[in-house]
């Protein structure tokens, strides 16, 4: 892209961003919260006086709440919200520590309580990408994957992609009609429009040929916008264990075929169990590669998860996708440039939606070899679709390299 075009696109993006709403803020006290899991008994049929009956568990829920209240009282904890998870056979309670009390002591005591299946900290997770300066040189990285040729073969038609992220602006010109489900697992209000989630969703499935903005990698996929994170500042999006667990649970219940998690944080037992449930069902789980390996690398370090970065070198097993100066939808009906592995992961999720459309239910999607890679782990989009398209292989033969 020549310098004049770069400046023109950057100026257009800057103008498009004018009028965007102020950044949303959400307070959290996750450092003082614990997740306490009680075993959930099997669900039995209970006839009522008319013998109609149901599989309801109102009495059991009340009894478990009393047990949770006893546990909180005996351990000096505050009892908060609860959430049953029949899929895992547990009932989750949020309990809060007194000011100044270390979590380790409380967790050790809870582990000895026979009524507790397990207890764990409320972890905090962060996304991996921020809005770039709107005048930063702009390059349409989607062209590296030759989308026009790919879309002649597949568009992700009716593939369900769960975006577990901050809020998505469902009425944005590039996302109107693309979101099948929009739920908020952070608080009780309607899901707000937030930058990170809106950008990720648009890279995956922005409408094509609508005369505005961009075309998503899988423009006919259907999004499950599951808000598990909140925008704490223009370049900071945060999540907690509980919000992510609720969103993962919903993604599984809603038959998501791909789950995009452009975030990372500490290892988490509850989230790990839910990821295993998703992977066992053949769901492709895509995670962003964190800036540093080691601690805080979950869910990218979880077995079976696609790990996606935006710049080499990458750790063994990770894959490389476009993630620098990516045009994307922004709250307020505009567009902006974004960079980071969060958005590289979104590209991979979109390409997996194209694979799912071509491959059907044969199970290839869950395999780490579903995407063809070239040098440095770079995804070869053309070779990937050619593998599944048979005689309808895309016109492009191989990846068109573009400079970083």
Protein backbone atom coordinates (compact mmCIF):
# COMPACT_ATOMS: atom_id res chain seq x y z
CA UNK A 1 0.00 0.00 0.00
CA UNK A 2 1.56 3.35 -0.98
CA UNK A 3 1.99 6.15 1.55
CA UNK A 4 -0.91 8.23 0.18
CA UNK A 5 -3.34 5.30 0.52
CA UNK A 6 -2.09 4.60 4.04
CA UNK A 7 -2.74 8.14 5.18
CA UNK A 8 -6.11 8.26 3.42
CA UNK A 9 -7.33 5.07 5.12
CA UNK A 10 -6.00 6.19 8.50
CA UNK A 11 -7.77 9.55 8.12
CA UNK A 12 -11.03 7.81 7.11
CA UNK A 13 -10.82 5.55 10.13
CA UNK A 14 -10.17 8.52 12.42
CA UNK A 15 -13.23 10.33 11.07
CA UNK A 16 -15.36 7.18 11.36
CA UNK A 17 -14.46 6.91 15.05
CA UNK A 18 -15.79 10.39 15.89
CA UNK A 19 -18.89 10.17 18.02
CA UNK A 20 -18.06 6.80 19.59
CA UNK A 21 -19.39 6.51 23.14
CA UNK A 22 -17.20 7.02 26.19
CA UNK A 23 -15.40 3.95 27.46
CA UNK A 24 -17.43 1.85 29.88
CA UNK A 25 -15.99 1.18 33.31
CA UNK A 26 -16.79 -1.75 35.60
CA UNK A 27 -15.54 -2.24 39.14
CA UNK A 28 -14.54 -5.66 40.39
CA UNK A 29 -13.18 -7.08 43.62
CA UNK A 30 -12.03 -10.37 42.18
CA UNK A 31 -8.94 -10.51 44.41
CA UNK A 32 -11.24 -10.97 47.43
CA UNK A 33 -13.59 -13.49 45.83
CA UNK A 34 -13.54 -17.28 45.80
CA UNK A 35 -15.51 -19.80 43.76
CA UNK A 36 -16.83 -22.58 45.99
CA UNK A 37 -18.23 -25.63 44.18
CA UNK A 38 -20.74 -27.96 45.83
CA UNK A 39 -21.62 -31.33 44.35
CA UNK A 40 -24.91 -31.34 42.45
CA UNK A 41 -27.03 -34.49 42.91
CA UNK A 42 -28.48 -36.27 39.88
CA UNK A 43 -31.64 -34.62 38.56
CA UNK A 44 -34.66 -36.78 39.42
CA UNK A 45 -38.21 -36.51 38.15
CA UNK A 46 -40.60 -35.18 40.82
CA UNK A 47 -44.37 -35.55 40.27
CA UNK A 48 -46.56 -32.78 41.64
CA UNK A 49 -50.12 -33.08 42.97
CA UNK A 50 -51.48 -33.43 39.42
CA UNK A 51 -48.76 -35.93 38.51
CA UNK A 52 -47.56 -33.56 35.81
CA UNK A 53 -44.27 -32.94 37.58
CA UNK A 54 -40.92 -31.81 36.25
CA UNK A 55 -37.21 -32.26 36.68
CA UNK A 56 -37.04 -29.05 38.70
CA UNK A 57 -34.73 -28.74 41.68
CA UNK A 58 -36.15 -25.87 43.75
CA UNK A 59 -36.00 -27.83 47.01
CA UNK A 60 -32.47 -29.02 46.30
CA UNK A 61 -31.35 -25.49 45.44
CA UNK A 62 -32.73 -24.20 48.74
CA UNK A 63 -30.98 -26.98 50.65
CA UNK A 64 -27.68 -26.27 48.89
CA UNK A 65 -28.05 -22.57 49.61
CA UNK A 66 -28.37 -23.43 53.30
CA UNK A 67 -25.25 -25.57 53.08
CA UNK A 68 -23.42 -22.73 51.32
CA UNK A 69 -24.58 -20.29 54.01
CA UNK A 70 -23.26 -22.66 56.70
CA UNK A 71 -19.91 -22.93 54.90
CA UNK A 72 -19.65 -19.16 54.52
CA UNK A 73 -20.53 -18.60 58.17
CA UNK A 74 -18.08 -21.19 59.53
CA UNK A 75 -15.23 -19.90 57.37
CA UNK A 76 -15.95 -16.22 57.91
CA UNK A 77 -16.86 -15.55 54.28
CA UNK A 78 -19.53 -13.45 52.63
CA UNK A 79 -22.02 -15.38 50.49
CA UNK A 80 -22.81 -13.93 47.06
CA UNK A 81 -24.46 -15.13 43.86
CA UNK A 82 -24.72 -18.77 42.86
CA UNK A 83 -24.99 -20.67 39.61
CA UNK A 84 -25.88 -24.36 39.06
CA UNK A 85 -23.94 -26.22 36.35
CA UNK A 86 -25.70 -29.56 35.73
CA UNK A 87 -23.35 -30.24 32.81
CA UNK A 88 -20.48 -30.54 35.30
CA UNK A 89 -22.52 -31.85 38.25
CA UNK A 90 -21.65 -28.90 40.50
CA UNK A 91 -23.29 -25.76 41.93
CA UNK A 92 -21.02 -22.71 42.04
CA UNK A 93 -21.17 -20.09 44.82
CA UNK A 94 -19.25 -16.82 44.96
CA UNK A 95 -17.91 -16.12 48.44
CA UNK A 96 -15.94 -13.07 49.53
CA UNK A 97 -12.96 -12.87 51.88
CA UNK A 98 -12.80 -10.39 54.77
CA UNK A 99 -10.56 -7.41 54.11
CA UNK A 100 -6.91 -8.34 54.48
CA UNK A 101 -7.41 -12.12 54.77
CA UNK A 102 -5.21 -14.12 52.37
CA UNK A 103 -7.02 -16.41 49.97
CA UNK A 104 -4.60 -19.30 50.57
CA UNK A 105 -5.71 -19.87 54.17
CA UNK A 106 -9.40 -19.83 53.30
CA UNK A 107 -8.90 -22.18 50.33
CA UNK A 108 -6.94 -24.61 52.51
CA UNK A 109 -9.75 -24.65 55.09
CA UNK A 110 -12.44 -25.05 52.43
CA UNK A 111 -10.58 -28.03 50.94
CA UNK A 112 -11.07 -29.86 54.25
CA UNK A 113 -14.83 -29.25 54.32
CA UNK A 114 -16.55 -32.48 53.18
CA UNK A 115 -19.43 -30.54 51.61
CA UNK A 116 -17.09 -28.74 49.18
CA UNK A 117 -16.26 -30.41 45.85
CA UNK A 118 -13.49 -27.86 45.33
CA UNK A 119 -12.75 -24.18 45.86
CA UNK A 120 -10.57 -21.86 43.84
CA UNK A 121 -9.64 -18.18 43.46
CA UNK A 122 -11.58 -15.84 41.21
CA UNK A 123 -8.95 -15.27 38.53
CA UNK A 124 -8.68 -12.21 36.31
CA UNK A 125 -8.01 -12.46 32.56
CA UNK A 126 -6.87 -9.86 30.02
CA UNK A 127 -7.28 -9.58 26.28
CA UNK A 128 -4.34 -9.14 23.89
CA UNK A 129 -4.88 -6.19 21.61
CA UNK A 130 -5.56 -2.49 21.74
CA UNK A 131 -6.88 0.19 19.42
CA UNK A 132 -3.97 1.55 17.45
CA UNK A 133 -3.41 5.23 16.82
CA UNK A 134 -5.85 6.00 14.00
CA UNK A 135 -3.04 7.64 12.01
CA UNK A 136 -0.79 4.61 12.29
CA UNK A 137 -0.02 3.36 8.75
CA UNK A 138 -2.93 1.18 7.72
CA UNK A 139 -2.73 -2.05 5.77
CA UNK A 140 -5.73 -4.30 4.99
CA UNK A 141 -4.25 -7.57 6.25
CA UNK A 142 -7.25 -9.57 5.13
CA UNK A 143 -5.90 -9.31 1.57
CA UNK A 144 -3.05 -11.63 2.58
CA UNK A 145 -5.58 -14.45 2.69
CA UNK A 146 -7.11 -13.63 -0.70
CA UNK A 147 -10.62 -13.53 0.70
CA UNK A 148 -12.36 -13.08 -2.63
CA UNK A 149 -11.03 -16.46 -3.79
CA UNK A 150 -11.82 -18.11 -0.45
CA UNK A 151 -15.39 -16.78 -0.45
CA UNK A 152 -15.99 -18.33 -3.85
CA UNK A 153 -15.63 -21.66 -2.03
CA UNK A 154 -17.01 -21.07 1.50
CA UNK A 155 -18.41 -18.26 3.62
CA UNK A 156 -18.99 -20.07 6.93
CA UNK A 157 -22.70 -20.41 6.20
CA UNK A 158 -24.68 -21.06 9.44
CA UNK A 159 -21.59 -22.10 11.42
CA UNK A 160 -21.97 -21.01 15.05
CA UNK A 161 -19.00 -19.09 16.43
CA UNK A 162 -19.04 -18.11 20.10
CA UNK A 163 -17.21 -14.85 20.82
CA UNK A 164 -16.38 -14.92 24.54
CA UNK A 165 -15.24 -11.36 25.01
CA UNK A 166 -16.47 -7.90 25.94
CA UNK A 167 -19.75 -6.54 24.55
CA UNK A 168 -20.48 -6.57 20.82
CA UNK A 169 -22.32 -3.74 19.04
CA UNK A 170 -24.95 -5.89 17.36
CA UNK A 171 -26.46 -2.94 15.48
CA UNK A 172 -23.21 -1.91 13.81
CA UNK A 173 -23.54 -1.74 9.98
CA UNK A 174 -21.05 -4.59 9.64
CA UNK A 175 -22.69 -6.76 12.33
CA UNK A 176 -26.43 -6.14 11.93
CA UNK A 177 -28.11 -9.53 11.52
CA UNK A 178 -24.89 -11.45 12.21
CA UNK A 179 -25.45 -12.10 15.93
CA UNK A 180 -27.69 -15.04 16.75
CA UNK A 181 -27.43 -14.66 20.53
CA UNK A 182 -26.30 -11.71 22.66
CA UNK A 183 -25.93 -12.38 26.40
CA UNK A 184 -24.28 -10.60 29.30
CA UNK A 185 -22.52 -12.67 31.99
CA UNK A 186 -20.81 -9.72 33.67
CA UNK A 187 -23.86 -7.96 35.12
CA UNK A 188 -27.63 -7.76 34.78
CA UNK A 189 -27.91 -4.97 32.22
CA UNK A 190 -28.27 -5.38 28.45
CA UNK A 191 -24.88 -6.08 26.84
CA UNK A 192 -23.16 -2.76 26.02
CA UNK A 193 -21.16 -2.03 22.87
CA UNK A 194 -17.45 -2.33 23.68
CA UNK A 195 -14.36 -2.02 21.54
CA UNK A 196 -12.53 -5.33 21.90
CA UNK A 197 -15.54 -7.62 21.49
CA UNK A 198 -16.91 -5.59 18.57
CA UNK A 199 -13.55 -5.72 16.77
CA UNK A 200 -13.13 -9.48 17.28
CA UNK A 201 -16.70 -10.20 16.16
CA UNK A 202 -16.32 -8.12 12.99
CA UNK A 203 -13.05 -9.73 11.96
CA UNK A 204 -14.73 -13.12 12.22
CA UNK A 205 -18.09 -12.40 10.59
CA UNK A 206 -18.59 -8.83 9.36
CA UNK A 207 -21.16 -8.61 6.57
CA UNK A 208 -19.77 -8.72 3.04
CA UNK A 209 -20.93 -6.68 0.04
CA UNK A 210 -23.00 -4.29 2.17
CA UNK A 211 -21.25 -1.19 0.92
CA UNK A 212 -19.68 -0.39 4.29
CA UNK A 213 -16.60 -1.26 6.30
CA UNK A 214 -14.95 -4.66 5.97
CA UNK A 215 -15.78 -8.24 5.03
CA UNK A 216 -15.36 -10.84 7.75
CA UNK A 217 -13.37 -14.01 7.21
CA UNK A 218 -16.65 -15.96 7.54
CA UNK A 219 -19.35 -13.43 6.59
CA UNK A 220 -22.20 -15.94 6.71
CA UNK A 221 -21.29 -17.46 10.07
CA UNK A 222 -23.61 -16.80 12.99
CA UNK A 223 -22.17 -15.25 16.13
CA UNK A 224 -22.95 -16.04 19.74
CA UNK A 225 -21.91 -12.80 21.47
CA UNK A 226 -21.23 -13.90 25.05
CA UNK A 227 -20.08 -10.97 27.18
CA UNK A 228 -17.77 -12.36 29.86
CA UNK A 229 -15.40 -9.37 29.93
CA UNK A 230 -15.73 -5.63 30.40
CA UNK A 231 -13.82 -2.65 29.08
CA UNK A 232 -11.97 -1.11 32.00
CA UNK A 233 -10.09 1.48 29.89
CA UNK A 234 -9.58 2.22 26.17
CA UNK A 235 -6.82 -0.38 25.93
CA UNK A 236 -7.75 -2.70 28.82
CA UNK A 237 -10.40 -5.39 28.76
CA UNK A 238 -10.76 -7.66 31.81
CA UNK A 239 -12.63 -10.89 32.64
CA UNK A 240 -13.08 -13.11 35.70
CA UNK A 241 -13.29 -16.86 36.16
CA UNK A 242 -17.03 -16.72 36.84
CA UNK A 243 -17.96 -14.67 33.78
CA UNK A 244 -15.81 -16.85 31.53
CA UNK A 245 -17.24 -20.06 33.03
CA UNK A 246 -20.82 -18.87 32.46
CA UNK A 247 -20.02 -17.92 28.87
CA UNK A 248 -18.27 -21.22 28.15
CA UNK A 249 -21.21 -23.10 29.62
CA UNK A 250 -23.61 -21.13 27.42
CA UNK A 251 -21.46 -21.74 24.32
CA UNK A 252 -21.64 -25.50 24.91
CA UNK A 253 -25.39 -25.39 25.56
CA UNK A 254 -25.95 -23.34 22.40
CA UNK A 255 -24.04 -25.87 20.25
CA UNK A 256 -21.21 -23.53 19.30
CA UNK A 257 -18.91 -25.15 16.77
CA UNK A 258 -16.06 -22.70 17.33
CA UNK A 259 -15.23 -20.78 20.52
CA UNK A 260 -12.99 -17.71 20.26
CA UNK A 261 -11.22 -16.67 23.49
CA UNK A 262 -8.92 -13.74 22.70
CA UNK A 263 -7.64 -13.49 26.29
CA UNK A 264 -5.33 -15.07 28.83
CA UNK A 265 -4.76 -15.42 32.55
CA UNK A 266 -3.95 -17.96 35.28
CA UNK A 267 -4.67 -21.68 35.05
CA UNK A 268 -8.20 -22.30 36.28
CA UNK A 269 -9.69 -25.67 37.22
CA UNK A 270 -13.32 -24.78 36.48
CA UNK A 271 -12.51 -23.28 33.09
CA UNK A 272 -10.29 -26.25 32.27
CA UNK A 273 -13.12 -28.71 32.96
CA UNK A 274 -15.45 -26.68 30.73
CA UNK A 275 -12.87 -26.55 27.93
CA UNK A 276 -12.52 -30.33 28.14
CA UNK A 277 -16.31 -30.63 27.81
CA UNK A 278 -16.26 -28.43 24.71
CA UNK A 279 -13.32 -30.23 23.10
CA UNK A 280 -14.91 -33.63 23.77
CA UNK A 281 -17.91 -32.45 21.74
CA UNK A 282 -15.71 -31.61 18.74
CA UNK A 283 -15.72 -27.85 19.32
CA UNK A 284 -12.69 -25.92 18.06
CA UNK A 285 -11.40 -23.61 20.81
CA UNK A 286 -9.17 -20.74 19.66
CA UNK A 287 -7.03 -18.76 22.12
CA UNK A 288 -4.76 -15.74 21.71
CA UNK A 289 -1.08 -16.20 22.47
CA UNK A 290 -0.19 -14.02 25.47
CA UNK A 291 2.72 -11.63 25.27
CA UNK A 292 4.81 -13.79 27.59
CA UNK A 293 4.83 -17.54 28.13
CA UNK A 294 4.63 -19.28 31.50
CA UNK A 295 2.24 -18.02 34.17
CA UNK A 296 -0.85 -16.37 32.77
CA UNK A 297 -0.81 -18.41 29.56
CA UNK A 298 -4.22 -20.08 30.07
CA UNK A 299 -6.26 -21.02 27.98
CA UNK A 300 -3.50 -21.10 25.33
CA UNK A 301 -1.62 -23.74 27.37
CA UNK A 302 -4.66 -26.03 27.63
CA UNK A 303 -4.32 -29.27 25.59
CA UNK A 304 -6.31 -29.28 22.37
CA UNK A 305 -6.68 -25.50 22.05
CA UNK A 306 -5.63 -23.65 18.87
CA UNK A 307 -2.99 -21.10 19.92
CA UNK A 308 -2.67 -18.08 17.63
CA UNK A 309 -0.07 -15.32 17.59
CA UNK A 310 0.38 -12.22 15.46
CA UNK A 311 4.17 -12.08 15.03
CA UNK A 312 7.05 -14.55 14.90
CA UNK A 313 8.81 -16.21 16.59
CA UNK A 314 6.11 -18.44 18.03
CA UNK A 315 6.32 -21.29 20.54
CA UNK A 316 6.06 -24.83 19.23
CA UNK A 317 2.55 -25.68 18.13
CA UNK A 318 1.31 -22.08 17.81
CA UNK A 319 0.11 -20.68 14.50
CA UNK A 320 0.51 -17.26 12.93
CA UNK A 321 -2.36 -15.16 11.56
CA UNK A 322 -2.75 -11.48 10.58
CA UNK A 323 -2.86 -9.29 13.67
CA UNK A 324 -1.31 -5.94 12.84
CA UNK A 325 -3.17 -2.83 11.64
CA UNK A 326 -6.38 -4.74 11.03
CA UNK A 327 -9.43 -2.63 10.06
CA UNK A 328 -12.36 -3.61 12.26
CA UNK A 329 -15.75 -2.41 13.45
CA UNK A 330 -15.77 -0.01 16.40
CA UNK A 331 -18.57 1.06 18.77
CA UNK A 332 -20.62 3.96 17.52
CA UNK A 333 -21.01 2.59 13.99
CA UNK A 334 -17.44 3.38 12.92
CA UNK A 335 -14.24 1.50 12.20
CA UNK A 336 -10.71 1.54 13.59
CA UNK A 337 -7.34 -0.13 13.24
CA UNK A 338 -6.48 -2.82 15.81
CA UNK A 339 -3.35 -4.86 16.51
CA UNK A 340 -2.51 -7.84 18.69
CA UNK A 341 -2.86 -11.59 19.01
CA UNK A 342 -6.52 -11.14 20.02
CA UNK A 343 -7.27 -10.25 16.43
CA UNK A 344 -4.99 -12.92 14.98
CA UNK A 345 -7.09 -15.44 16.92
CA UNK A 346 -10.24 -13.95 15.38
CA UNK A 347 -8.80 -14.54 11.89
CA UNK A 348 -8.13 -18.19 12.76
CA UNK A 349 -11.66 -18.62 14.14
CA UNK A 350 -13.11 -17.23 10.93
CA UNK A 351 -11.03 -19.58 8.78
CA UNK A 352 -12.10 -22.54 10.94
CA UNK A 353 -15.71 -21.55 10.22
CA UNK A 354 -14.98 -21.91 6.49
CA UNK A 355 -13.42 -25.32 7.19
CA UNK A 356 -16.47 -26.37 9.19
CA UNK A 357 -18.82 -25.42 6.36
CA UNK A 358 -16.84 -27.58 3.92
CA UNK A 359 -16.08 -30.44 6.28
CA UNK A 360 -19.52 -30.79 7.83
CA UNK A 361 -19.70 -32.84 11.01
CA UNK A 362 -16.81 -35.19 10.25
CA UNK A 363 -14.80 -34.04 13.25
CA UNK A 364 -11.84 -32.48 11.46
CA UNK A 365 -12.47 -29.15 13.15
CA UNK A 366 -11.31 -30.35 16.54
CA UNK A 367 -7.97 -31.59 15.17
CA UNK A 368 -4.94 -29.33 15.62
CA UNK A 369 -4.02 -30.17 12.00
CA UNK A 370 -7.25 -28.66 10.62
CA UNK A 371 -5.30 -25.60 9.44
CA UNK A 372 -2.41 -25.92 6.97
CA UNK A 373 0.65 -23.92 7.97
CA UNK A 374 3.74 -22.75 6.10
CA UNK A 375 7.01 -21.25 7.32
CA UNK A 376 7.07 -19.87 10.88
CA UNK A 377 3.65 -21.39 11.57
CA UNK A 378 1.95 -18.95 9.18
CA UNK A 379 -1.54 -20.15 8.23
CA UNK A 380 -1.85 -20.96 4.52
CA UNK A 381 -5.51 -20.12 3.96
CA UNK A 382 -5.63 -21.27 0.33
CA UNK A 383 -4.03 -24.65 1.03
CA UNK A 384 -6.31 -25.08 4.05
CA UNK A 385 -9.51 -24.70 2.03
CA UNK A 386 -8.11 -26.71 -0.89
CA UNK A 387 -7.75 -29.64 1.50
CA UNK A 388 -11.53 -29.74 2.11
CA UNK A 389 -13.04 -28.28 -1.05
CA UNK A 390 -12.24 -31.08 -3.49
CA UNK A 391 -13.05 -29.98 -7.04
CA UNK A 392 -14.22 -26.58 -5.70
CA UNK A 393 -10.75 -25.64 -4.46
CA UNK A 394 -10.05 -21.90 -4.38
CA UNK A 395 -8.41 -20.26 -7.36
CA UNK A 396 -5.42 -19.20 -5.23
CA UNK A 397 -2.73 -21.84 -4.91
CA UNK A 398 -0.82 -20.74 -1.86
CA UNK A 399 -0.46 -18.02 0.71
CA UNK A 400 0.33 -14.55 -0.58
CA UNK A 401 3.05 -13.27 1.71
CA UNK A 402 2.73 -9.73 3.00
CA UNK A 403 5.25 -7.75 5.03
CA UNK A 404 4.66 -7.40 8.77
